[in-house]
Amino acid sequence: MTRPHFSASPNNQLTSFVDNLNQCNTIDEAWSTFNAALNEFGIEHALYGFMATYPRKSITKEMLSFSSHNPEFEEAYISLGHVDHDWSVDWSMNNTQARRWNTPGVLVSLTHRQCVTEQLAYDYGLYEGLVVPLRGATTLSWGGLGMAAPSLGSKEWGRVLHTYQTQIETLAQTFHEHVLARGYYDYYGLSQRENEVLKWIVCGLNKHDIADKLGISSRTAEVHIYRIRRKLNCLNNAQVTAKALVFNLILV
């Protein structure tokens, strides 16, 4: 049985985690670093999902996601549409407090379709866990982190949460902020063309120069610039440039 062996002080542990994240060059490296930190608490699997707006159609088509679950479970979970009927996903969309899996309060509220999803998780040993809702830079950014500790029994998992839940939630939020700050997730919803225009705005070009670079009319370039300012909540190109550089929004 996997047992938590974390012994450092919370502040030292968080500082070390941040230092490790800052050394990561890709989101894959950051995800691996995050999972290694979770392992210290007996958490073996995690699933991270995030999107720019509340789901209008299918969550699976709109979210950025990373998973350390069994590939067979992940395939069934996504391909059969379970993510759209997962109570923990619904909880993340509508609440801001973390919630433990499979408590009496959770189980009594499940719909039939949600029970089917829970049965799939149970078949793969995913019974003890925690969901942490996540938010982005705006109120229209939604997501969450589900973390599972299949090797821990109910009592032991309860003891872990009693002692370390605050630290676990802080690690989850820190990883999420790292993803947003590094520009791994474009929560501003810029289109491919708007990203191209943004790059040239940061280079100091005006609408006429941008139009020449992209082979479009000055009027079209002006429209793109207007939409970029609106999405980034900026008043002028100087503010757009500052925000793009601070939040690493320029796609290579």
C-alpha atoms as a PDB file:
ATOM      1  CA  MET A   1       0.000   0.000   0.000  1.00  0.00           C
ATOM      2  CA  THR A   2       1.296   3.447  -0.919  1.00  0.00           C
ATOM      3  CA  ARG A   3       1.546   5.671   2.144  1.00  0.00           C
ATOM      4  CA  PRO A   4       2.208   9.410   2.353  1.00  0.00           C
ATOM      5  CA  HIS A   5       5.712  10.163   3.533  1.00  0.00           C
ATOM      6  CA  PHE A   6       5.686  13.957   3.371  1.00  0.00           C
ATOM      7  CA  SER A   7       7.564  15.394   6.324  1.00  0.00           C
ATOM      8  CA  ALA A   8       8.819  18.866   5.362  1.00  0.00           C
ATOM      9  CA  SER A   9       7.075  22.023   6.533  1.00  0.00           C
ATOM     10  CA  PRO A  10       4.256  23.230   4.232  1.00  0.00           C
ATOM     11  CA  ASN A  11       6.086  26.453   3.332  1.00  0.00           C
ATOM     12  CA  ASN A  12       9.321  24.666   2.472  1.00  0.00           C
ATOM     13  CA  GLN A  13       7.423  22.065   0.456  1.00  0.00           C
ATOM     14  CA  LEU A  14       5.566  24.732  -1.536  1.00  0.00           C
ATOM     15  CA  THR A  15       8.738  26.744  -2.143  1.00  0.00           C
ATOM     16  CA  SER A  16      10.498  23.642  -3.425  1.00  0.00           C
ATOM     17  CA  PHE A  17       7.530  22.845  -5.655  1.00  0.00           C
ATOM     18  CA  VAL A  18       7.512  26.338  -7.162  1.00  0.00           C
ATOM     19  CA  ASP A  19      11.256  26.153  -7.764  1.00  0.00           C
ATOM     20  CA  ASN A  20      10.806  22.835  -9.563  1.00  0.00           C
ATOM     21  CA  LEU A  21       7.965  24.237 -11.680  1.00  0.00           C
ATOM     22  CA  ASN A  22      10.053  27.237 -12.681  1.00  0.00           C
ATOM     23  CA  GLN A  23      12.693  24.894 -14.054  1.00  0.00           C
ATOM     24  CA  CYS A  24      10.156  23.228 -16.359  1.00  0.00           C
ATOM     25  CA  ASN A  25      10.275  24.207 -20.040  1.00  0.00           C
ATOM     26  CA  THR A  26       7.025  22.555 -21.140  1.00  0.00           C
ATOM     27  CA  ILE A  27       3.605  21.832 -19.710  1.00  0.00           C
ATOM     28  CA  ASP A  28       4.419  18.114 -19.868  1.00  0.00           C
ATOM     29  CA  GLU A  29       7.377  18.664 -17.546  1.00  0.00           C
ATOM     30  CA  ALA A  30       5.200  20.748 -15.231  1.00  0.00           C
ATOM     31  CA  TRP A  31       2.554  18.018 -15.185  1.00  0.00           C
ATOM     32  CA  SER A  32       5.162  15.394 -14.248  1.00  0.00           C
ATOM     33  CA  THR A  33       6.507  17.672 -11.511  1.00  0.00           C
ATOM     34  CA  PHE A  34       3.005  18.190 -10.152  1.00  0.00           C
ATOM     35  CA  ASN A  35       2.264  14.471 -10.111  1.00  0.00           C
ATOM     36  CA  ALA A  36       5.531  13.773  -8.284  1.00  0.00           C
ATOM     37  CA  ALA A  37       4.453  16.258  -5.595  1.00  0.00           C
ATOM     38  CA  LEU A  38       1.047  14.568  -5.306  1.00  0.00           C
ATOM     39  CA  ASN A  39       2.701  11.171  -4.894  1.00  0.00           C
ATOM     40  CA  GLU A  40       4.132  12.413  -1.600  1.00  0.00           C
ATOM     41  CA  PHE A  41       0.590  12.339  -0.220  1.00  0.00           C
ATOM     42  CA  GLY A  42      -0.325   8.911  -1.590  1.00  0.00           C
ATOM     43  CA  ILE A  43      -2.148  10.404  -4.596  1.00  0.00           C
ATOM     44  CA  GLU A  44      -1.314   8.178  -7.559  1.00  0.00           C
ATOM     45  CA  HIS A  45      -3.533   9.586 -10.312  1.00  0.00           C
ATOM     46  CA  ALA A  46      -4.821  13.003 -11.334  1.00  0.00           C
ATOM     47  CA  LEU A  47      -6.876  14.554 -14.110  1.00  0.00           C
ATOM     48  CA  TYR A  48      -6.685  18.248 -14.948  1.00  0.00           C
ATOM     49  CA  GLY A  49      -9.283  19.921 -17.143  1.00  0.00           C
ATOM     50  CA  PHE A  50      -9.788  23.593 -17.946  1.00  0.00           C
ATOM     51  CA  MET A  51     -11.785  25.689 -20.425  1.00  0.00           C
ATOM     52  CA  ALA A  52     -12.446  29.341 -21.175  1.00  0.00           C
ATOM     53  CA  THR A  53     -16.234  29.364 -20.785  1.00  0.00           C
ATOM     54  CA  TYR A  54     -18.951  27.361 -19.132  1.00  0.00           C
ATOM     55  CA  PRO A  55     -19.645  24.368 -21.429  1.00  0.00           C
ATOM     56  CA  ARG A  56     -22.319  25.081 -23.999  1.00  0.00           C
ATOM     57  CA  LYS A  57     -21.979  21.786 -25.862  1.00  0.00           C
ATOM     58  CA  SER A  58     -19.450  19.116 -24.998  1.00  0.00           C
ATOM     59  CA  ILE A  59     -16.843  19.556 -22.299  1.00  0.00           C
ATOM     60  CA  THR A  60     -14.613  17.022 -24.023  1.00  0.00           C
ATOM     61  CA  LYS A  61     -14.376  19.240 -27.099  1.00  0.00           C
ATOM     62  CA  GLU A  62     -13.530  22.434 -25.243  1.00  0.00           C
ATOM     63  CA  MET A  63     -11.140  21.640 -22.438  1.00  0.00           C
ATOM     64  CA  LEU A  64      -7.426  21.445 -22.025  1.00  0.00           C
ATOM     65  CA  SER A  65      -6.724  18.227 -20.140  1.00  0.00           C
ATOM     66  CA  PHE A  66      -3.899  16.140 -18.743  1.00  0.00           C
ATOM     67  CA  SER A  67      -4.256  12.780 -17.068  1.00  0.00           C
ATOM     68  CA  SER A  68      -2.070  10.305 -15.212  1.00  0.00           C
ATOM     69  CA  HIS A  69      -4.808   7.663 -15.059  1.00  0.00           C
ATOM     70  CA  ASN A  70      -4.707   4.175 -16.518  1.00  0.00           C
ATOM     71  CA  PRO A  71      -4.859   4.670 -20.337  1.00  0.00           C
ATOM     72  CA  GLU A  72      -7.682   2.121 -20.596  1.00  0.00           C
ATOM     73  CA  PHE A  73      -9.768   4.023 -18.056  1.00  0.00           C
ATOM     74  CA  GLU A  74      -8.987   7.333 -19.740  1.00  0.00           C
ATOM     75  CA  GLU A  75     -10.005   5.984 -23.156  1.00  0.00           C
ATOM     76  CA  ALA A  76     -13.327   4.674 -21.836  1.00  0.00           C
ATOM     77  CA  TYR A  77     -13.938   7.802 -19.762  1.00  0.00           C
ATOM     78  CA  ILE A  78     -13.500  10.129 -22.741  1.00  0.00           C
ATOM     79  CA  SER A  79     -14.689   8.054 -25.714  1.00  0.00           C
ATOM     80  CA  LEU A  80     -17.936   7.030 -23.997  1.00  0.00           C
ATOM     81  CA  GLY A  81     -18.709  10.597 -22.938  1.00  0.00           C
ATOM     82  CA  HIS A  82     -18.388  10.032 -19.189  1.00  0.00           C
ATOM     83  CA  VAL A  83     -16.676  13.370 -18.671  1.00  0.00           C
ATOM     84  CA  ASP A  84     -19.969  15.064 -19.575  1.00  0.00           C
ATOM     85  CA  HIS A  85     -21.748  13.051 -16.863  1.00  0.00           C
ATOM     86  CA  ASP A  86     -19.180  13.157 -14.081  1.00  0.00           C
ATOM     87  CA  TRP A  87     -20.514  14.688 -10.858  1.00  0.00           C
ATOM     88  CA  SER A  88     -17.034  16.017 -10.015  1.00  0.00           C
ATOM     89  CA  VAL A  89     -16.869  17.917 -13.322  1.00  0.00           C
ATOM     90  CA  ASP A  90     -20.310  19.373 -12.639  1.00  0.00           C
ATOM     91  CA  TRP A  91     -19.151  20.277  -9.134  1.00  0.00           C
ATOM     92  CA  SER A  92     -16.097  22.062 -10.514  1.00  0.00           C
ATOM     93  CA  MET A  93     -18.272  24.077 -12.880  1.00  0.00           C
ATOM     94  CA  ASN A  94     -20.690  25.235 -10.197  1.00  0.00           C
ATOM     95  CA  ASN A  95     -18.688  25.454  -6.971  1.00  0.00           C
ATOM     96  CA  THR A  96     -15.404  26.810  -5.670  1.00  0.00           C
ATOM     97  CA  GLN A  97     -14.792  24.545  -2.655  1.00  0.00           C
ATOM     98  CA  ALA A  98     -12.956  21.226  -2.875  1.00  0.00           C
ATOM     99  CA  ARG A  99     -15.002  18.094  -2.227  1.00  0.00           C
ATOM    100  CA  ARG A 100     -14.075  14.554  -1.296  1.00  0.00           C
ATOM    101  CA  TRP A 101     -15.309  11.760  -3.538  1.00  0.00           C
ATOM    102  CA  ASN A 102     -17.999   9.259  -2.591  1.00  0.00           C
ATOM    103  CA  THR A 103     -19.166  10.739   0.672  1.00  0.00           C
ATOM    104  CA  PRO A 104     -22.801  10.041   1.622  1.00  0.00           C
ATOM    105  CA  GLY A 105     -23.694  13.575   0.543  1.00  0.00           C
ATOM    106  CA  VAL A 106     -22.197  12.982  -2.906  1.00  0.00           C
ATOM    107  CA  LEU A 107     -23.636   9.512  -3.455  1.00  0.00           C
ATOM    108  CA  VAL A 108     -27.208  10.413  -2.551  1.00  0.00           C
ATOM    109  CA  SER A 109     -27.250  13.231  -5.110  1.00  0.00           C
ATOM    110  CA  LEU A 110     -26.094  11.230  -8.146  1.00  0.00           C
ATOM    111  CA  THR A 111     -28.303  10.783 -11.189  1.00  0.00           C
ATOM    112  CA  HIS A 112     -28.557   7.406 -12.906  1.00  0.00           C
ATOM    113  CA  ARG A 113     -26.137   8.518 -15.621  1.00  0.00           C
ATOM    114  CA  GLN A 114     -23.680   9.810 -13.027  1.00  0.00           C
ATOM    115  CA  CYS A 115     -23.888   6.450 -11.239  1.00  0.00           C
ATOM    116  CA  VAL A 116     -22.827   4.737 -14.469  1.00  0.00           C
ATOM    117  CA  THR A 117     -19.777   7.001 -14.617  1.00  0.00           C
ATOM    118  CA  GLU A 118     -18.980   6.290 -10.964  1.00  0.00           C
ATOM    119  CA  GLN A 119     -19.202   2.563 -11.645  1.00  0.00           C
ATOM    120  CA  LEU A 120     -16.590   2.895 -14.380  1.00  0.00           C
ATOM    121  CA  ALA A 121     -14.268   4.678 -11.932  1.00  0.00           C
ATOM    122  CA  TYR A 122     -14.969   2.069  -9.268  1.00  0.00           C
ATOM    123  CA  ASP A 123     -14.118  -0.741 -11.709  1.00  0.00           C
ATOM    124  CA  TYR A 124     -10.654   0.802 -12.026  1.00  0.00           C
ATOM    125  CA  GLY A 125     -10.217   1.217  -8.282  1.00  0.00           C
ATOM    126  CA  LEU A 126     -10.847   4.961  -8.332  1.00  0.00           C
ATOM    127  CA  TYR A 127     -12.963   5.370  -5.231  1.00  0.00           C
ATOM    128  CA  GLU A 128     -10.988   7.546  -2.817  1.00  0.00           C
ATOM    129  CA  GLY A 129     -10.215  10.994  -4.145  1.00  0.00           C
ATOM    130  CA  LEU A 130     -10.668  14.752  -4.096  1.00  0.00           C
ATOM    131  CA  VAL A 131     -11.890  17.283  -6.655  1.00  0.00           C
ATOM    132  CA  VAL A 132     -10.547  20.859  -6.549  1.00  0.00           C
ATOM    133  CA  PRO A 133     -12.398  23.482  -8.640  1.00  0.00           C
ATOM    134  CA  LEU A 134     -10.132  25.903 -10.508  1.00  0.00           C
ATOM    135  CA  ARG A 135     -10.729  29.352 -11.961  1.00  0.00           C
ATOM    136  CA  GLY A 136      -8.739  31.469 -14.389  1.00  0.00           C
ATOM    137  CA  ALA A 137      -8.073  35.142 -14.896  1.00  0.00           C
ATOM    138  CA  THR A 138     -11.746  35.880 -15.533  1.00  0.00           C
ATOM    139  CA  THR A 139     -15.063  34.670 -14.138  1.00  0.00           C
ATOM    140  CA  LEU A 140     -15.604  32.855 -17.445  1.00  0.00           C
ATOM    141  CA  SER A 141     -12.687  30.470 -16.882  1.00  0.00           C
ATOM    142  CA  TRP A 142     -13.666  27.086 -15.481  1.00  0.00           C
ATOM    143  CA  GLY A 143     -12.004  23.818 -14.599  1.00  0.00           C
ATOM    144  CA  GLY A 144     -10.852  21.448 -11.928  1.00  0.00           C
ATOM    145  CA  LEU A 145      -8.405  18.829 -10.754  1.00  0.00           C
ATOM    146  CA  GLY A 146      -9.530  15.362  -9.741  1.00  0.00           C
ATOM    147  CA  MET A 147      -7.022  13.412  -7.661  1.00  0.00           C
ATOM    148  CA  ALA A 148      -7.286   9.723  -6.756  1.00  0.00           C
ATOM    149  CA  ALA A 149      -5.576   7.629  -4.090  1.00  0.00           C
ATOM    150  CA  PRO A 150      -6.613   4.052  -5.015  1.00  0.00           C
ATOM    151  CA  SER A 151      -4.070   2.395  -2.712  1.00  0.00           C
ATOM    152  CA  LEU A 152      -5.390   4.169   0.378  1.00  0.00           C
ATOM    153  CA  GLY A 153      -8.431   2.930   2.241  1.00  0.00           C
ATOM    154  CA  SER A 154     -11.227   5.224   3.321  1.00  0.00           C
ATOM    155  CA  LYS A 155      -9.901   5.784   6.839  1.00  0.00           C
ATOM    156  CA  GLU A 156      -6.333   6.402   5.727  1.00  0.00           C
ATOM    157  CA  TRP A 157      -7.439   8.774   2.961  1.00  0.00           C
ATOM    158  CA  GLY A 158      -9.550  10.585   5.521  1.00  0.00           C
ATOM    159  CA  ARG A 159      -6.514  11.023   7.749  1.00  0.00           C
ATOM    160  CA  VAL A 160      -4.485  12.349   4.814  1.00  0.00           C
ATOM    161  CA  LEU A 161      -7.159  14.924   4.001  1.00  0.00           C
ATOM    162  CA  HIS A 162      -7.562  15.893   7.647  1.00  0.00           C
ATOM    163  CA  THR A 163      -3.858  16.682   7.903  1.00  0.00           C
ATOM    164  CA  TYR A 164      -2.823  17.723   4.403  1.00  0.00           C
ATOM    165  CA  GLN A 165      -5.842  18.837   2.385  1.00  0.00           C
ATOM    166  CA  THR A 166      -4.871  22.508   2.534  1.00  0.00           C
ATOM    167  CA  GLN A 167      -1.396  21.690   1.201  1.00  0.00           C
ATOM    168  CA  ILE A 168      -2.839  19.474  -1.541  1.00  0.00           C
ATOM    169  CA  GLU A 169      -5.249  22.198  -2.657  1.00  0.00           C
ATOM    170  CA  THR A 170      -2.422  24.750  -2.626  1.00  0.00           C
ATOM    171  CA  LEU A 171      -0.294  22.522  -4.862  1.00  0.00           C
ATOM    172  CA  ALA A 172      -3.224  22.164  -7.279  1.00  0.00           C
ATOM    173  CA  GLN A 173      -3.806  25.919  -7.421  1.00  0.00           C
ATOM    174  CA  THR A 174      -0.083  26.592  -7.822  1.00  0.00           C
ATOM    175  CA  PHE A 175       0.183  24.192 -10.759  1.00  0.00           C
ATOM    176  CA  HIS A 176      -2.872  25.812 -12.355  1.00  0.00           C
ATOM    177  CA  GLU A 177      -1.467  29.324 -11.937  1.00  0.00           C
ATOM    178  CA  HIS A 178       1.784  28.121 -13.512  1.00  0.00           C
ATOM    179  CA  VAL A 179      -0.147  26.839 -16.539  1.00  0.00           C
ATOM    180  CA  LEU A 180      -1.962  30.165 -16.954  1.00  0.00           C
ATOM    181  CA  ALA A 181       1.063  32.385 -16.321  1.00  0.00           C
ATOM    182  CA  ARG A 182       3.206  30.510 -18.843  1.00  0.00           C
ATOM    183  CA  GLY A 183       0.558  30.916 -21.538  1.00  0.00           C
ATOM    184  CA  TYR A 184       0.078  27.148 -21.917  1.00  0.00           C
ATOM    185  CA  TYR A 185      -3.651  27.796 -21.964  1.00  0.00           C
ATOM    186  CA  ASP A 186      -5.030  30.674 -24.012  1.00  0.00           C
ATOM    187  CA  TYR A 187      -7.906  31.682 -21.760  1.00  0.00           C
ATOM    188  CA  TYR A 188      -8.412  34.830 -23.819  1.00  0.00           C
ATOM    189  CA  GLY A 189      -9.703  32.788 -26.739  1.00  0.00           C
ATOM    190  CA  LEU A 190      -7.650  34.408 -29.495  1.00  0.00           C
ATOM    191  CA  SER A 191      -8.067  32.928 -32.963  1.00  0.00           C
ATOM    192  CA  GLN A 192      -5.090  31.793 -35.033  1.00  0.00           C
ATOM    193  CA  ARG A 193      -5.213  34.976 -37.099  1.00  0.00           C
ATOM    194  CA  GLU A 194      -5.532  37.128 -33.957  1.00  0.00           C
ATOM    195  CA  ASN A 195      -2.448  35.420 -32.541  1.00  0.00           C
ATOM    196  CA  GLU A 196      -0.579  36.343 -35.728  1.00  0.00           C
ATOM    197  CA  VAL A 197      -1.727  39.955 -35.461  1.00  0.00           C
ATOM    198  CA  LEU A 198      -0.814  40.024 -31.771  1.00  0.00           C
ATOM    199  CA  LYS A 199       2.745  38.998 -32.592  1.00  0.00           C
ATOM    200  CA  TRP A 200       3.153  41.956 -34.935  1.00  0.00           C
ATOM    201  CA  ILE A 201       1.513  44.364 -32.489  1.00  0.00           C
ATOM    202  CA  VAL A 202       4.159  43.377 -29.943  1.00  0.00           C
ATOM    203  CA  CYS A 203       6.798  44.042 -32.620  1.00  0.00           C
ATOM    204  CA  GLY A 204       5.518  47.613 -32.823  1.00  0.00           C
ATOM    205  CA  LEU A 205       3.796  47.475 -36.206  1.00  0.00           C
ATOM    206  CA  ASN A 206       0.744  49.586 -36.977  1.00  0.00           C
ATOM    207  CA  LYS A 207      -2.363  48.324 -38.778  1.00  0.00           C
ATOM    208  CA  HIS A 208      -0.986  49.195 -42.228  1.00  0.00           C
ATOM    209  CA  ASP A 209       2.286  47.335 -41.624  1.00  0.00           C
ATOM    210  CA  ILE A 210       0.409  44.353 -40.187  1.00  0.00           C
ATOM    211  CA  ALA A 211      -1.835  44.291 -43.232  1.00  0.00           C
ATOM    212  CA  ASP A 212       1.226  44.166 -45.511  1.00  0.00           C
ATOM    213  CA  LYS A 213       2.817  41.381 -43.455  1.00  0.00           C
ATOM    214  CA  LEU A 214      -0.303  39.212 -43.547  1.00  0.00           C
ATOM    215  CA  GLY A 215      -1.566  40.093 -47.002  1.00  0.00           C
ATOM    216  CA  ILE A 216      -4.856  41.524 -45.751  1.00  0.00           C
ATOM    217  CA  SER A 217      -6.508  44.932 -45.974  1.00  0.00           C
ATOM    218  CA  SER A 218      -5.838  47.630 -43.402  1.00  0.00           C
ATOM    219  CA  ARG A 219      -9.522  47.536 -42.504  1.00  0.00           C
ATOM    220  CA  THR A 220      -9.323  43.795 -41.754  1.00  0.00           C
ATOM    221  CA  ALA A 221      -6.184  44.342 -39.680  1.00  0.00           C
ATOM    222  CA  GLU A 222      -8.011  47.071 -37.773  1.00  0.00           C
ATOM    223  CA  VAL A 223     -10.886  44.682 -37.009  1.00  0.00           C
ATOM    224  CA  HIS A 224      -8.458  42.061 -35.693  1.00  0.00           C
ATOM    225  CA  ILE A 225      -6.737  44.663 -33.519  1.00  0.00           C
ATOM    226  CA  TYR A 226     -10.085  45.797 -32.136  1.00  0.00           C
ATOM    227  CA  ARG A 227     -11.072  42.212 -31.272  1.00  0.00           C
ATOM    228  CA  ILE A 228      -7.716  41.555 -29.602  1.00  0.00           C
ATOM    229  CA  ARG A 229      -8.090  44.666 -27.452  1.00  0.00           C
ATOM    230  CA  ARG A 230     -11.604  43.650 -26.484  1.00  0.00           C
ATOM    231  CA  LYS A 231     -10.613  40.073 -25.569  1.00  0.00           C
ATOM    232  CA  LEU A 232      -7.581  41.209 -23.595  1.00  0.00           C
ATOM    233  CA  ASN A 233      -9.543  44.073 -22.016  1.00  0.00           C
ATOM    234  CA  CYS A 234      -7.006  46.629 -23.262  1.00  0.00           C
ATOM    235  CA  LEU A 235      -7.453  50.215 -24.457  1.00  0.00           C
ATOM    236  CA  ASN A 236      -4.514  50.510 -26.847  1.00  0.00           C
ATOM    237  CA  ASN A 237      -1.643  48.611 -28.454  1.00  0.00           C
ATOM    238  CA  ALA A 238       0.809  49.578 -25.723  1.00  0.00           C
ATOM    239  CA  GLN A 239      -1.419  47.875 -23.161  1.00  0.00           C
ATOM    240  CA  VAL A 240      -1.871  44.893 -25.475  1.00  0.00           C
ATOM    241  CA  THR A 241       1.910  44.588 -25.800  1.00  0.00           C
ATOM    242  CA  ALA A 242       2.447  44.770 -22.046  1.00  0.00           C
ATOM    243  CA  LYS A 243      -0.198  42.147 -21.333  1.00  0.00           C
ATOM    244  CA  ALA A 244       1.070  39.825 -24.066  1.00  0.00           C
ATOM    245  CA  LEU A 245       4.600  39.951 -22.662  1.00  0.00           C
ATOM    246  CA  VAL A 246       3.624  39.633 -18.996  1.00  0.00           C
ATOM    247  CA  PHE A 247       1.307  36.659 -19.619  1.00  0.00           C
ATOM    248  CA  ASN A 248       3.432  35.077 -22.335  1.00  0.00           C
ATOM    249  CA  LEU A 249       0.563  35.135 -24.854  1.00  0.00           C
ATOM    250  CA  ILE A 250       2.679  35.129 -28.017  1.00  0.00           C
ATOM    251  CA  LEU A 251       2.551  31.745 -29.716  1.00  0.00           C
ATOM    252  CA  VAL A 252       5.671  30.686 -31.589  1.00  0.00           C
END
